Protein backbone atom coordinates (compact mmCIF):
# COMPACT_ATOMS: atom_id res chain seq x y z
CA MET A 1 182.08 192.10 57.06
CA LYS A 2 181.36 189.00 59.02
CA ALA A 3 180.04 185.54 57.63
CA PHE A 4 177.18 184.56 59.73
CA PHE A 5 176.10 180.87 59.73
CA TYR A 6 174.46 178.38 62.13
CA PHE A 7 174.69 174.77 62.80
CA SER A 8 171.57 172.43 62.88
CA LYS A 9 171.07 170.55 65.96
CA THR A 10 170.40 166.88 64.07
CA LYS A 11 173.06 164.49 63.49
CA ASN A 12 172.48 163.42 60.17
CA GLN A 13 171.59 166.92 58.81
CA SER A 14 174.42 169.32 59.89
CA PHE A 15 174.76 171.91 57.51
CA MET A 16 175.07 175.98 57.74
CA LYS A 17 173.48 178.69 56.01
CA ASN A 18 174.91 182.23 55.88
CA ILE A 19 174.07 185.33 54.24
CA VAL A 20 177.40 186.06 52.94
CA CYS A 21 179.42 183.77 50.80
CA LEU A 22 181.80 182.04 52.60
CA ASN A 23 183.90 181.34 49.25
CA CYS A 24 184.30 185.03 48.39
CA ASN A 25 182.62 187.17 50.96
CA GLU A 26 179.97 188.41 48.48
CA ALA A 27 176.64 189.34 50.09
CA VAL A 28 173.86 186.49 48.99
CA GLU A 29 170.00 186.04 49.03
CA ARG A 30 169.42 183.22 47.28
CA ASN A 31 170.50 179.19 47.22
CA TYR A 32 173.59 180.27 45.28
CA CYS A 33 176.15 183.06 45.37
CA SER A 34 175.96 185.65 42.08
CA ASN A 35 179.56 186.28 42.28
CA CYS A 36 180.99 182.73 42.51
CA GLY A 37 178.40 180.33 42.41
CA GLN A 38 178.99 178.43 45.54
CA LYS A 39 175.66 177.30 47.57
CA THR A 40 174.88 178.91 50.20
CA ASP A 41 174.01 175.95 52.15
CA ILE A 42 177.20 174.37 53.02
CA HIS A 43 176.66 170.99 54.76
CA ARG A 44 179.14 169.63 57.17
CA ILE A 45 181.25 166.84 55.33
CA THR A 46 180.61 163.42 56.92
CA LEU A 47 182.19 160.27 55.40
CA LYS A 48 178.73 159.21 53.87
CA HIS A 49 178.05 162.29 52.26
CA PHE A 50 181.60 162.95 50.57
CA LEU A 51 181.37 159.02 49.32
CA PHE A 52 177.79 158.93 47.98
CA HIS A 53 177.67 162.57 47.34
CA ASP A 54 180.55 164.14 46.58
CA VAL A 55 182.20 161.19 44.75
CA ILE A 56 179.61 159.56 43.12
CA HIS A 57 176.84 162.29 42.70
CA GLY A 58 179.13 165.02 42.00
CA VAL A 59 181.45 163.21 39.44
CA TRP A 60 179.68 160.24 38.30
CA HIS A 61 176.00 161.68 38.25
CA LEU A 62 174.10 161.18 34.45
CA ASP A 63 172.77 164.99 34.45
CA ARG A 64 176.45 166.50 34.81
CA GLY A 65 180.18 165.57 35.44
CA ILE A 66 182.39 162.42 33.67
CA LEU A 67 179.69 160.37 32.63
CA PHE A 68 177.12 163.10 31.39
CA THR A 69 180.38 164.60 29.41
CA ILE A 70 181.39 161.14 27.93
CA LYS A 71 177.74 160.22 27.00
CA GLN A 72 177.46 163.46 25.27
CA ALA A 73 180.94 162.90 23.54
CA LEU A 74 179.80 159.51 22.13
CA LEU A 75 175.91 160.91 21.18
CA ARG A 76 175.99 164.04 20.15
CA PRO A 77 179.58 165.19 20.04
CA GLY A 78 178.91 168.29 17.49
CA LYS A 79 175.69 169.61 19.17
CA ALA A 80 177.50 169.47 22.64
CA ALA A 81 180.31 171.38 21.38
CA LEU A 82 178.03 173.96 20.24
CA ASP A 83 176.17 173.73 23.62
CA TYR A 84 179.28 174.20 25.60
CA ILE A 85 180.58 177.26 23.38
CA GLY A 86 177.01 178.88 23.42
CA GLY A 87 177.22 179.09 27.39
CA LYS A 88 175.81 175.97 28.45
CA ARG A 89 178.98 174.72 30.70
CA ILE A 90 178.25 173.60 33.92
CA ARG A 91 176.67 170.38 33.39
CA TYR A 92 180.24 169.29 31.76
CA TYR A 93 183.57 168.02 33.00
CA ASN A 94 186.52 169.53 31.20
CA VAL A 95 187.13 168.20 27.98
CA PHE A 96 190.46 168.46 27.63
CA TYR A 97 191.18 167.25 31.60
CA LEU A 98 188.85 164.30 30.46
CA ILE A 99 190.78 163.43 27.33
CA LEU A 100 194.31 163.54 29.41
CA LEU A 101 192.55 161.30 32.33
CA LEU A 102 191.54 158.86 29.71
CA ILE A 103 194.69 158.94 27.57
CA GLY A 104 196.56 158.01 30.74
CA LEU A 105 194.04 155.05 31.22
CA GLY A 106 194.64 153.86 27.79
CA LEU A 107 198.35 153.51 28.49
CA PHE A 108 197.98 151.74 31.67
CA ILE A 109 195.71 149.23 29.64
CA ASP A 110 198.02 148.77 27.21
CA ALA A 111 200.65 148.43 29.53
CA ILE A 112 199.04 145.43 31.04
CA TYR A 113 198.30 144.03 27.67
CA VAL A 114 201.78 144.04 26.29
CA ASP A 115 202.98 142.67 29.59
CA SER A 116 200.23 139.80 29.43
CA LEU A 117 201.55 138.99 25.69
CA GLU A 118 204.83 138.96 27.00
CA LYS A 119 204.27 136.36 29.91
CA TYR A 120 201.18 134.03 28.41
CA VAL A 121 201.77 134.64 24.63
CA THR A 122 204.42 133.27 22.14
CA PHE A 123 204.95 134.53 18.86
CA GLY A 124 207.54 136.58 16.67
CA GLU A 125 205.69 139.42 15.43
CA LEU A 126 207.83 142.28 16.96
CA ASP A 127 211.19 140.18 15.93
CA THR A 128 210.35 140.71 12.21
CA LEU A 129 210.56 144.45 12.75
CA ASP A 130 213.63 146.66 11.99
CA GLU A 131 215.19 148.34 14.41
CA ILE A 132 213.71 151.57 13.32
CA GLU A 133 210.13 150.59 13.64
CA LYS A 134 211.33 149.05 17.12
CA GLU A 135 212.23 152.40 18.00
CA THR A 136 208.77 154.05 16.25
CA ILE A 137 206.61 151.84 18.42
CA LYS A 138 208.85 153.04 21.89
CA ILE A 139 208.83 156.74 20.83
CA TYR A 140 205.25 157.06 20.24
CA SER A 141 204.55 154.71 23.46
CA GLU A 142 206.34 157.03 25.33
CA TYR A 143 205.57 160.61 23.88
CA LEU A 144 201.81 159.72 22.63
CA LYS A 145 200.41 162.45 25.10
CA PHE A 146 202.67 164.95 23.65
CA PHE A 147 201.74 163.68 19.96
CA ILE A 148 197.93 164.08 20.91
CA ILE A 149 198.52 167.79 22.32
CA LEU A 150 200.14 168.89 19.23
CA ALA A 151 197.50 166.69 17.07
CA ILE A 152 194.52 168.72 18.71
CA PRO A 153 195.12 172.51 17.50
CA ALA A 154 196.37 171.10 13.81
CA TYR A 155 193.49 169.20 13.58
CA ALA A 156 191.00 172.17 14.97
CA PHE A 157 192.87 174.26 12.27
CA ASN A 158 191.67 171.92 9.73
CA SER A 159 188.01 172.57 10.72
CA TYR A 160 188.96 176.33 10.98
CA ILE A 161 189.82 176.31 7.21
CA LEU A 162 186.76 174.14 5.95
CA PHE A 163 183.98 174.75 7.99
CA ASN A 164 184.03 178.50 8.66
CA LYS A 165 180.31 179.74 7.89
CA LYS A 166 179.68 179.38 11.76
CA LYS A 167 182.32 182.18 12.21
CA LEU A 168 183.88 180.27 15.34
CA PHE A 169 186.71 181.33 16.77
CA TYR A 170 189.69 179.29 16.09
CA SER A 171 189.72 178.44 19.88
CA GLU A 172 186.16 177.71 19.65
CA HIS A 173 187.14 175.09 16.92
CA LEU A 174 189.42 173.66 19.53
CA ILE A 175 186.32 172.43 21.66
CA VAL A 176 184.47 171.12 18.75
CA PHE A 177 187.75 168.79 17.93
CA GLY A 178 187.84 168.25 21.64
CA MET A 179 184.65 167.01 22.24
CA LEU A 180 184.92 164.59 18.54
CA PHE A 181 188.62 163.56 20.16
CA LEU A 182 187.02 162.71 23.54
CA GLY A 183 184.91 160.08 21.51
CA ILE A 184 187.76 158.94 19.30
CA ILE A 185 189.45 157.87 22.70
CA ILE A 186 186.74 156.23 24.31
CA ILE A 187 185.54 154.14 20.95
CA THR A 188 189.24 153.21 20.65
CA LEU A 189 189.92 152.51 24.37
CA PHE A 190 186.89 150.05 24.28
CA GLY A 191 188.65 148.67 21.29
CA ASN A 192 191.58 148.07 23.07
CA ILE A 193 190.02 146.61 26.15
CA LEU A 194 188.67 144.19 23.97
CA LEU A 195 191.77 142.77 22.82
CA PHE A 196 192.02 141.19 26.24
CA ALA A 197 189.90 138.51 24.77
CA ASP A 198 193.11 137.10 23.14
CA PHE A 199 193.62 135.39 26.34
CA LEU A 200 190.29 134.03 26.44
CA GLU A 201 190.18 130.73 24.06
CA SER A 202 185.48 130.83 24.07
CA ILE A 203 186.03 134.79 23.20
CA TYR A 204 189.14 135.20 21.69
CA PHE A 205 187.11 136.11 18.23
CA LEU A 206 186.42 139.69 19.87
CA SER A 207 189.80 140.98 19.97
CA ASP A 208 189.87 140.27 15.86
CA TRP A 209 186.35 142.10 15.56
CA SER A 210 187.56 144.87 17.53
CA LYS A 211 190.51 145.56 15.07
CA PHE A 212 187.82 145.34 12.23
CA ILE A 213 184.94 146.99 13.40
CA VAL A 214 186.53 150.23 15.68
CA PRO A 215 187.86 151.86 12.46
CA ILE A 216 184.68 151.22 10.89
CA LEU A 217 182.98 152.86 13.84
CA LEU A 218 185.14 155.82 13.98
CA LEU A 219 184.46 157.35 10.50
CA PRO A 220 180.78 157.68 10.77
CA TYR A 221 181.35 159.21 14.08
CA VAL A 222 183.22 162.01 12.82
CA ILE A 223 180.92 162.71 10.01
CA ASN A 224 178.30 162.64 12.35
CA GLY A 225 180.04 165.06 15.01
CA LEU A 226 181.34 167.31 12.04
CA TYR A 227 177.43 167.48 10.95
CA GLY A 228 176.20 168.21 14.26
CA ALA A 229 178.52 171.47 14.31
CA PHE A 230 178.28 172.57 11.03
CA GLY A 231 176.07 170.48 9.12
CA LYS A 232 173.01 172.95 8.89
CA GLU A 233 175.49 175.73 7.15
CA TYR A 234 176.40 173.65 4.22
CA THR A 235 174.37 171.80 1.32
CA LYS A 236 174.74 168.28 1.37
CA ILE A 237 177.19 168.57 -1.65
CA SER A 238 179.25 170.89 0.02
CA PHE A 239 179.33 169.12 3.52
CA ALA A 240 180.31 165.94 1.87
CA PHE A 241 183.18 167.69 0.10
CA ARG A 242 184.57 169.39 3.12
CA THR A 243 184.16 166.50 5.48
CA LEU A 244 186.07 164.42 2.53
CA LEU A 245 188.90 167.31 2.56
CA TYR A 246 188.87 167.32 6.43
CA ILE A 247 189.71 163.51 6.52
CA ILE A 248 192.27 163.64 3.90
CA LEU A 249 194.11 165.99 5.96
CA PHE A 250 193.48 164.32 9.28
CA MET A 251 195.33 161.30 7.71
CA ALA A 252 197.90 163.02 5.76
CA GLU A 253 199.02 164.61 9.18
CA PHE A 254 198.89 161.47 11.01
CA LYS A 255 201.04 159.99 8.28
CA PHE A 256 203.25 163.07 7.84
CA VAL A 257 203.95 162.72 12.28
CA ALA A 258 204.99 159.15 11.62
CA ILE A 259 207.22 159.79 8.64
CA ALA A 260 209.02 162.65 10.54
CA VAL A 261 209.56 160.27 13.48
CA LYS A 262 211.36 157.61 11.31
CA PHE A 263 213.65 160.40 9.65
CA TYR A 264 214.69 161.61 12.76
CA LEU A 265 215.51 158.12 13.96
CA ARG A 266 217.21 157.26 10.85
CA HIS A 267 219.47 160.61 11.07
CA TYR A 268 219.85 161.55 13.98
CA ASN A 269 219.61 158.80 16.74
């Protein structure tokens, strides 16, 4: 079956309407294709529409896309994850794509910060480290994405074991921790940006504050996220106990990775 469409004659409102979806050739009767979800009103791609609708509105709109996902991850990570698991997905940007994007941004910011320290600040902190510690820092900076990708399934397994009353699949616990981890990255990234206050004498204290405040923010953030996702299934005492175990496992697994890297460098490098 051929797709039927027409173009309007006006200069600023060029678009096409069709009775067959131009994406999958499914017959359509309403504003969206019931098979693939594409709109039936397909506009002409002008520069103005591309910049102000497809880019700004489509990606950064507060009701959906990247900013919406970031807002939900910061304010209600546990409940947002449950919404996504429950089927409310069209408004969210892919959490794991966004994690990788922000990791890349974080590595870029860290590289600028370290380069700036070498150019504008004189201090001997790195000289006090032994070769193993220096090599460990180098490994973490080069393979941070790999470590994080390994961390997500490990930490999701923790919640799968400790918070199992909801009967979520392990893959759904990946979504819960993915949303939590997105918020952790955003908070940490904000703290890393404040480190640049080191280079401005009038506000250098913000750098010291960030090193102190960010860890304090992360603890209640994780607790709030876990409570939003699983809190209603447990008594307050049971939830507090499970959350404490979760945090202990979280820190122990992180420490284990650090020790494993050092062991490898001492014996095989």
